[in-house]
Amino acid sequence: MDEQEDIPRVSRILDTIDWGIKKAPGFILRRYGKYGTSFHELVSKKLRGERTRVSPRFKTKYRMFTEWLKQYEVLESEKKVLWTSSEDASRRYRGTLDLVLKRKADNKIVLADIKTGKFYKRHWYQVSAYKNAYEAMTLTHVDEMLLVRPTEESVEEQLCPNRVMGFLAILNIYADIQNR
């Protein structure tokens, strides 16, 4: 999908809306962005079976995350998704979902998005967009969507309500702005 750079990413579409989230200065955002990216890379390497050296700053959170993950079978990680409206090809988006899991206790399919900062309602729309695209691409029903944040003590979870209709409305606004 890398050759499809003209297809907007979910995060870019969501930037169309002012979510009322206070933005930190750029240097702080870049630092936290690097932290989140580094943690994601560490998890991705583990899931690919690569040996990883865990930095002391991640050690406890990483251990908490790997313990939490034991309750699931990992079906896919870093899954690239693409969705195009069947009615209007200008209504399309792409993204990368973090984890597709099967919960061992009940066999439910769960999409999980790893966060290293606060949870925001904006994330519900992001994960809902991924769910919509994943289900369309794979014809697999997703039972739950979770935001997960490893901490020093545990992994915090937030069950996401399905906001796909809201996301598609935002996508329509985004497409209309782009096609002026």
Protein backbone atom coordinates (compact mmCIF):
# COMPACT_ATOMS: atom_id res chain seq x y z
CA MET A 1 0.00 0.00 0.00
CA ASP A 2 2.99 2.32 0.23
CA GLU A 3 2.54 3.20 -3.44
CA GLN A 4 -0.87 4.61 -2.52
CA GLU A 5 0.42 7.75 -0.83
CA ASP A 6 -2.48 9.75 -2.27
CA ILE A 7 -4.91 7.82 -0.08
CA PRO A 8 -5.23 9.69 3.22
CA ARG A 9 -4.36 8.04 6.51
CA VAL A 10 -7.01 7.76 9.20
CA SER A 11 -5.07 10.15 11.46
CA ARG A 12 -4.95 12.83 8.75
CA ILE A 13 -8.71 12.57 8.19
CA LEU A 14 -9.33 12.90 11.92
CA ASP A 15 -7.18 16.04 11.95
CA THR A 16 -10.04 17.70 10.01
CA ILE A 17 -11.86 18.06 13.34
CA ASP A 18 -10.81 20.25 16.27
CA TRP A 19 -11.12 17.75 19.09
CA GLY A 20 -10.50 20.34 21.80
CA ILE A 21 -7.38 18.52 22.94
CA LYS A 22 -4.74 20.87 24.26
CA LYS A 23 -1.66 20.55 22.12
CA ALA A 24 1.73 20.56 23.77
CA PRO A 25 4.60 22.48 22.20
CA GLY A 26 6.13 20.79 19.16
CA PHE A 27 9.31 19.62 20.88
CA ILE A 28 7.27 17.82 23.54
CA LEU A 29 5.00 16.21 20.93
CA ARG A 30 8.05 14.99 19.00
CA ARG A 31 9.61 13.52 22.16
CA TYR A 32 6.43 11.67 23.13
CA GLY A 33 5.94 10.60 19.51
CA LYS A 34 9.41 9.06 19.48
CA TYR A 35 8.66 7.29 22.76
CA GLY A 36 5.42 5.81 21.36
CA THR A 37 7.10 4.81 18.10
CA SER A 38 9.95 3.13 19.97
CA PHE A 39 7.53 1.16 22.15
CA HIS A 40 5.54 0.07 19.08
CA GLU A 41 8.75 -1.07 17.36
CA LEU A 42 9.73 -3.08 20.42
CA VAL A 43 6.35 -4.85 20.48
CA SER A 44 6.49 -5.47 16.71
CA LYS A 45 9.92 -7.09 16.97
CA LYS A 46 8.70 -9.37 19.76
CA LEU A 47 5.66 -10.42 17.74
CA ARG A 48 7.85 -11.19 14.72
CA GLY A 49 9.98 -13.42 16.96
CA GLU A 50 13.03 -11.17 16.77
CA ARG A 51 15.36 -10.92 19.72
CA THR A 52 14.97 -7.57 21.37
CA ARG A 53 17.00 -5.60 23.82
CA VAL A 54 14.58 -3.77 26.09
CA SER A 55 15.68 -0.31 27.14
CA PRO A 56 15.43 0.35 30.90
CA ARG A 57 12.81 3.05 30.24
CA PHE A 58 10.47 0.41 28.77
CA LYS A 59 11.38 -2.61 30.89
CA THR A 60 8.44 -2.63 33.33
CA LYS A 61 5.80 -1.48 30.82
CA TYR A 62 7.05 -4.03 28.31
CA ARG A 63 6.86 -6.83 30.90
CA MET A 64 3.32 -5.75 31.82
CA PHE A 65 2.32 -5.73 28.18
CA THR A 66 3.77 -9.17 27.41
CA GLU A 67 1.98 -10.60 30.49
CA TRP A 68 -1.30 -8.99 29.38
CA LEU A 69 -0.85 -10.37 25.87
CA LYS A 70 -0.78 -13.97 27.16
CA GLN A 71 -4.58 -13.98 27.39
CA TYR A 72 -4.74 -13.66 23.59
CA GLU A 73 -3.62 -15.42 20.47
CA VAL A 74 -2.07 -12.83 18.15
CA LEU A 75 -3.66 -13.22 14.72
CA GLU A 76 -2.02 -10.21 13.07
CA SER A 77 0.12 -7.23 14.01
CA GLU A 78 0.89 -4.01 12.18
CA LYS A 79 -1.86 -4.86 9.69
CA LYS A 80 -2.16 -2.36 6.86
CA VAL A 81 -5.78 -1.68 5.98
CA LEU A 82 -7.42 0.12 3.08
CA TRP A 83 -11.07 1.02 2.58
CA THR A 84 -12.84 2.59 -0.40
CA SER A 85 -16.51 3.45 -0.53
CA SER A 86 -18.46 1.35 -3.01
CA GLU A 87 -20.49 4.48 -3.86
CA ASP A 88 -17.73 7.08 -4.30
CA ALA A 89 -14.05 6.21 -4.86
CA SER A 90 -12.95 9.60 -3.47
CA ARG A 91 -14.18 8.38 -0.06
CA ARG A 92 -11.27 6.17 0.95
CA TYR A 93 -8.66 5.82 3.65
CA ARG A 94 -5.78 3.70 4.84
CA GLY A 95 -4.06 2.97 8.10
CA THR A 96 -2.15 0.47 10.17
CA LEU A 97 -3.86 -1.29 13.03
CA ASP A 98 -1.68 -2.51 15.85
CA LEU A 99 -3.12 -5.89 16.84
CA VAL A 100 -5.77 -8.36 15.78
CA LEU A 101 -6.24 -10.79 18.65
CA LYS A 102 -8.35 -13.79 19.60
CA ARG A 103 -9.16 -13.87 23.31
CA LYS A 104 -8.43 -17.37 24.61
CA ALA A 105 -11.25 -17.30 27.18
CA ASP A 106 -14.10 -16.79 24.71
CA ASN A 107 -12.59 -16.82 21.18
CA LYS A 108 -13.73 -13.23 20.54
CA ILE A 109 -11.84 -11.30 17.87
CA VAL A 110 -10.43 -8.08 19.32
CA LEU A 111 -8.71 -5.15 17.63
CA ALA A 112 -6.27 -3.51 20.01
CA ASP A 113 -4.56 -0.17 19.53
CA ILE A 114 -1.55 0.47 21.75
CA LYS A 115 -1.27 3.93 23.27
CA THR A 116 1.56 5.27 25.37
CA GLY A 117 -0.27 8.46 26.37
CA LYS A 118 -3.79 9.38 27.40
CA PHE A 119 -6.87 7.88 25.85
CA TYR A 120 -9.04 10.33 23.89
CA LYS A 121 -12.44 9.94 22.24
CA ARG A 122 -10.65 10.66 18.95
CA HIS A 123 -9.07 7.20 19.33
CA TRP A 124 -12.53 5.57 19.24
CA TYR A 125 -13.00 6.93 15.72
CA GLN A 126 -9.53 5.78 14.70
CA VAL A 127 -10.06 2.20 15.88
CA SER A 128 -13.59 2.16 14.42
CA ALA A 129 -12.15 3.11 11.02
CA TYR A 130 -9.62 0.28 11.29
CA LYS A 131 -12.39 -2.16 12.24
CA ASN A 132 -14.49 -1.07 9.26
CA ALA A 133 -11.60 -1.54 6.84
CA TYR A 134 -10.39 -4.79 8.39
CA GLU A 135 -13.84 -6.38 8.26
CA ALA A 136 -14.31 -5.27 4.65
CA MET A 137 -10.90 -6.62 3.60
CA THR A 138 -11.01 -9.94 5.46
CA LEU A 139 -14.74 -10.62 5.83
CA THR A 140 -13.95 -11.33 9.49
CA HIS A 141 -16.30 -10.02 12.18
CA VAL A 142 -14.55 -8.08 14.95
CA ASP A 143 -16.23 -8.46 18.34
CA GLU A 144 -14.43 -5.74 20.32
CA MET A 145 -12.12 -2.79 19.96
CA LEU A 146 -9.71 -1.91 22.75
CA LEU A 147 -7.32 0.89 23.52
CA VAL A 148 -4.48 -0.46 25.65
CA ARG A 149 -1.86 1.47 27.58
CA PRO A 150 0.95 -0.34 29.38
CA THR A 151 1.84 1.29 32.70
CA GLU A 152 4.33 0.46 35.42
CA GLU A 153 1.65 -1.51 37.32
CA SER A 154 -0.61 -3.05 34.66
CA VAL A 155 -2.12 -2.59 31.21
CA GLU A 156 -5.05 -0.21 31.20
CA GLU A 157 -7.83 -1.09 28.78
CA GLN A 158 -10.62 1.01 27.35
CA LEU A 159 -13.42 -0.68 25.44
CA CYS A 160 -14.23 1.46 22.39
CA PRO A 161 -17.77 2.05 21.22
CA ASN A 162 -18.22 1.68 17.49
CA ARG A 163 -17.96 5.14 15.95
CA VAL A 164 -17.64 4.11 12.29
CA MET A 165 -20.66 6.18 11.20
CA GLY A 166 -19.11 9.24 12.81
CA PHE A 167 -15.77 8.49 11.17
CA LEU A 168 -17.41 8.12 7.75
CA ALA A 169 -19.12 11.50 8.26
CA ILE A 170 -15.71 13.04 8.99
CA LEU A 171 -14.32 11.27 5.91
CA ASN A 172 -17.08 12.89 3.81
CA ILE A 173 -16.17 16.33 5.16
CA TYR A 174 -12.48 15.66 4.50
CA ALA A 175 -13.18 14.48 0.92
CA ASP A 176 -15.41 17.48 0.23
CA ILE A 177 -12.68 19.85 1.43
CA GLN A 178 -10.08 18.09 -0.71
CA ASN A 179 -12.33 18.10 -3.82
CA ARG A 180 -13.29 21.80 -3.74
